[in-house]
N, C-alpha and C. Protein backbone atom coordinates (compact mmCIF):
# COMPACT_ATOMS: atom_id res chain seq x y z
N MET A 1 103.83 103.92 108.25
CA MET A 1 103.33 105.14 107.64
C MET A 1 104.14 106.32 108.16
N HIS A 2 104.17 107.33 107.39
CA HIS A 2 104.93 108.50 107.78
C HIS A 2 104.03 109.69 108.05
N TYR A 3 104.51 110.53 108.92
CA TYR A 3 103.86 111.81 109.22
C TYR A 3 104.92 112.88 109.03
N PHE A 4 104.52 114.03 108.58
CA PHE A 4 105.46 115.13 108.50
C PHE A 4 104.73 116.43 108.74
N ILE A 5 105.48 117.46 109.09
CA ILE A 5 104.91 118.77 109.36
C ILE A 5 105.24 119.68 108.18
N GLN A 6 104.23 120.28 107.60
CA GLN A 6 104.46 121.23 106.52
C GLN A 6 104.82 122.56 107.14
N SER A 7 105.86 123.20 106.65
CA SER A 7 106.29 124.46 107.25
C SER A 7 105.31 125.60 106.98
N ALA A 8 104.69 125.63 105.81
CA ALA A 8 103.75 126.71 105.49
C ALA A 8 102.42 126.51 106.20
N ASN A 9 102.08 125.29 106.50
CA ASN A 9 100.82 124.97 107.16
C ASN A 9 101.13 123.97 108.26
N PRO A 10 101.49 124.44 109.45
CA PRO A 10 102.03 123.53 110.49
C PRO A 10 101.00 122.59 111.09
N LYS A 11 100.63 121.59 110.34
CA LYS A 11 99.77 120.53 110.87
C LYS A 11 100.29 119.21 110.34
N PRO A 12 100.11 118.14 111.08
CA PRO A 12 100.63 116.85 110.61
C PRO A 12 99.87 116.38 109.37
N MET A 13 100.58 115.79 108.48
CA MET A 13 99.99 115.26 107.26
C MET A 13 100.35 113.77 107.19
N HIS A 14 99.36 112.93 107.03
CA HIS A 14 99.66 111.51 106.88
C HIS A 14 99.62 111.15 105.41
N ALA A 15 99.91 109.91 105.13
CA ALA A 15 99.99 109.45 103.74
C ALA A 15 98.68 109.70 103.00
N LEU A 16 98.80 110.02 101.74
CA LEU A 16 97.65 110.20 100.86
C LEU A 16 97.25 108.84 100.27
N PRO A 17 96.02 108.72 99.81
CA PRO A 17 95.62 107.45 99.19
C PRO A 17 96.55 107.03 98.05
N SER A 18 97.04 107.99 97.27
CA SER A 18 97.94 107.65 96.16
C SER A 18 99.29 107.16 96.66
N GLU A 19 99.70 107.56 97.87
CA GLU A 19 100.97 107.08 98.43
C GLU A 19 100.85 105.67 99.00
N VAL A 20 99.67 105.31 99.49
CA VAL A 20 99.45 103.97 100.01
C VAL A 20 99.52 102.95 98.87
N LYS A 21 99.09 103.35 97.69
CA LYS A 21 99.15 102.49 96.50
C LYS A 21 100.14 103.09 95.49
N LEU A 22 101.33 103.42 95.97
CA LEU A 22 102.30 104.14 95.14
C LEU A 22 102.71 103.37 93.88
N HIS A 23 102.96 102.09 94.00
CA HIS A 23 103.36 101.29 92.83
C HIS A 23 102.28 101.34 91.76
N THR A 24 101.03 101.12 92.16
CA THR A 24 99.90 101.16 91.22
C THR A 24 99.74 102.55 90.63
N THR A 25 99.82 103.58 91.47
CA THR A 25 99.66 104.96 91.01
C THR A 25 100.70 105.32 89.97
N LEU A 26 101.97 104.98 90.21
CA LEU A 26 103.04 105.30 89.26
C LEU A 26 102.89 104.50 87.97
N ASN A 27 102.50 103.24 88.08
CA ASN A 27 102.28 102.42 86.87
C ASN A 27 101.17 103.01 86.01
N GLU A 28 100.09 103.46 86.65
CA GLU A 28 98.96 104.02 85.90
C GLU A 28 99.32 105.37 85.28
N LYS A 29 100.12 106.15 85.99
CA LYS A 29 100.46 107.50 85.50
C LYS A 29 101.59 107.49 84.47
N TYR A 30 102.63 106.69 84.73
CA TYR A 30 103.82 106.75 83.87
C TYR A 30 104.13 105.47 83.11
N ALA A 31 103.47 104.39 83.40
CA ALA A 31 103.70 103.07 82.80
C ALA A 31 104.83 102.35 83.54
N ALA A 32 104.81 101.05 83.47
CA ALA A 32 105.75 100.22 84.23
C ALA A 32 107.21 100.50 83.87
N LYS A 33 107.49 100.90 82.64
CA LYS A 33 108.89 101.13 82.23
C LYS A 33 109.54 102.27 82.99
N TRP A 34 108.75 103.12 83.63
CA TRP A 34 109.28 104.27 84.37
C TRP A 34 109.96 103.83 85.67
N ILE A 35 109.49 102.73 86.26
CA ILE A 35 110.04 102.25 87.53
C ILE A 35 111.24 101.36 87.24
N PRO A 36 112.42 101.71 87.78
CA PRO A 36 113.61 100.88 87.55
C PRO A 36 113.40 99.45 88.06
N GLU A 37 113.96 98.49 87.36
CA GLU A 37 113.79 97.08 87.71
C GLU A 37 114.30 96.76 89.11
N ASP A 38 115.37 97.43 89.54
CA ASP A 38 115.95 97.13 90.86
C ASP A 38 115.29 97.92 92.00
N MET A 39 114.26 98.68 91.70
CA MET A 39 113.56 99.44 92.73
C MET A 39 112.54 98.54 93.42
N THR A 40 112.58 98.49 94.74
CA THR A 40 111.69 97.62 95.50
C THR A 40 110.43 98.38 95.93
N LEU A 41 109.78 98.97 94.98
CA LEU A 41 108.56 99.75 95.21
C LEU A 41 107.36 98.82 95.17
N GLN A 42 106.50 98.94 96.19
CA GLN A 42 105.29 98.13 96.22
C GLN A 42 104.18 98.88 96.96
N ASP A 43 102.96 98.44 96.75
CA ASP A 43 101.81 99.00 97.44
C ASP A 43 101.75 98.45 98.86
N TYR A 44 101.16 99.22 99.78
CA TYR A 44 100.88 98.70 101.11
C TYR A 44 99.84 97.59 100.96
N PRO A 45 99.87 96.59 101.81
CA PRO A 45 98.90 95.51 101.70
C PRO A 45 97.50 95.89 102.18
N LEU A 46 97.37 97.07 102.78
CA LEU A 46 96.08 97.57 103.26
C LEU A 46 95.66 98.77 102.44
N SER A 47 94.37 98.99 102.33
CA SER A 47 93.88 100.15 101.59
C SER A 47 93.91 101.39 102.48
N TYR A 48 93.80 102.55 101.87
CA TYR A 48 93.74 103.79 102.63
C TYR A 48 92.52 103.76 103.56
N GLN A 49 91.40 103.24 103.09
CA GLN A 49 90.19 103.18 103.89
C GLN A 49 90.39 102.32 105.15
N GLU A 50 91.19 101.28 105.03
CA GLU A 50 91.48 100.44 106.20
C GLU A 50 92.43 101.12 107.18
N LEU A 51 93.32 101.96 106.67
CA LEU A 51 94.30 102.65 107.52
C LEU A 51 93.78 103.94 108.13
N GLU A 52 92.82 104.58 107.50
CA GLU A 52 92.35 105.90 107.92
C GLU A 52 91.91 105.96 109.37
N PRO A 53 91.19 104.97 109.93
CA PRO A 53 90.82 105.05 111.35
C PRO A 53 92.04 105.13 112.27
N TYR A 54 93.14 104.49 111.87
CA TYR A 54 94.35 104.52 112.69
C TYR A 54 95.06 105.87 112.57
N PHE A 55 95.02 106.48 111.39
CA PHE A 55 95.53 107.85 111.24
C PHE A 55 94.76 108.77 112.18
N ASP A 56 93.45 108.64 112.17
CA ASP A 56 92.58 109.46 113.00
C ASP A 56 92.89 109.27 114.48
N LYS A 57 93.01 108.02 114.90
CA LYS A 57 93.30 107.71 116.31
C LYS A 57 94.66 108.28 116.72
N PHE A 58 95.67 108.12 115.87
CA PHE A 58 97.00 108.64 116.16
C PHE A 58 96.95 110.16 116.35
N GLU A 59 96.22 110.83 115.48
CA GLU A 59 96.14 112.29 115.58
C GLU A 59 95.43 112.71 116.87
N LYS A 60 94.45 111.96 117.30
CA LYS A 60 93.76 112.27 118.56
C LYS A 60 94.63 111.96 119.76
N VAL A 61 95.30 110.82 119.76
CA VAL A 61 96.17 110.44 120.88
C VAL A 61 97.32 111.42 121.05
N CYS A 62 97.86 111.89 119.96
CA CYS A 62 98.99 112.83 120.00
C CYS A 62 98.56 114.29 120.06
N SER A 63 97.26 114.50 120.19
CA SER A 63 96.70 115.87 120.27
C SER A 63 97.06 116.71 119.06
N THR A 64 97.02 116.11 117.90
CA THR A 64 97.28 116.87 116.68
C THR A 64 96.02 117.09 115.88
N ALA A 65 94.88 116.70 116.45
CA ALA A 65 93.59 116.89 115.78
C ALA A 65 92.60 117.44 116.78
N GLY A 66 91.56 118.07 116.30
CA GLY A 66 90.53 118.60 117.18
C GLY A 66 90.80 120.05 117.55
N LYS A 67 90.10 120.53 118.59
CA LYS A 67 90.24 121.90 119.02
C LYS A 67 91.56 122.14 119.72
N SER A 68 92.09 123.31 119.54
CA SER A 68 93.30 123.73 120.24
C SER A 68 92.97 123.96 121.70
N ALA A 69 93.90 123.67 122.60
CA ALA A 69 93.70 123.93 124.01
C ALA A 69 93.50 125.42 124.26
N ALA A 70 94.15 126.25 123.45
CA ALA A 70 94.03 127.70 123.57
C ALA A 70 92.63 128.18 123.16
N ALA A 71 91.93 127.39 122.36
CA ALA A 71 90.60 127.77 121.89
C ALA A 71 89.54 127.60 122.98
N GLY A 72 89.90 126.93 124.04
CA GLY A 72 88.97 126.81 125.15
C GLY A 72 88.40 125.50 125.24
């Protein structure tokens, strides 16, 4: 999974549910013909709901979630 920092809103952002099932999302939105045949695009084998606790834990371990230390 990827994390990135948005410059306008400096907080870590993890994958969205639509990104975890990107192949399905693109097929539903644009139809299968939109995805090139040689593109190795696939859905993650886990659902967003299964991954979310790990996103949460990562954010807590890396101190990117919760109260700021400056907040007291």
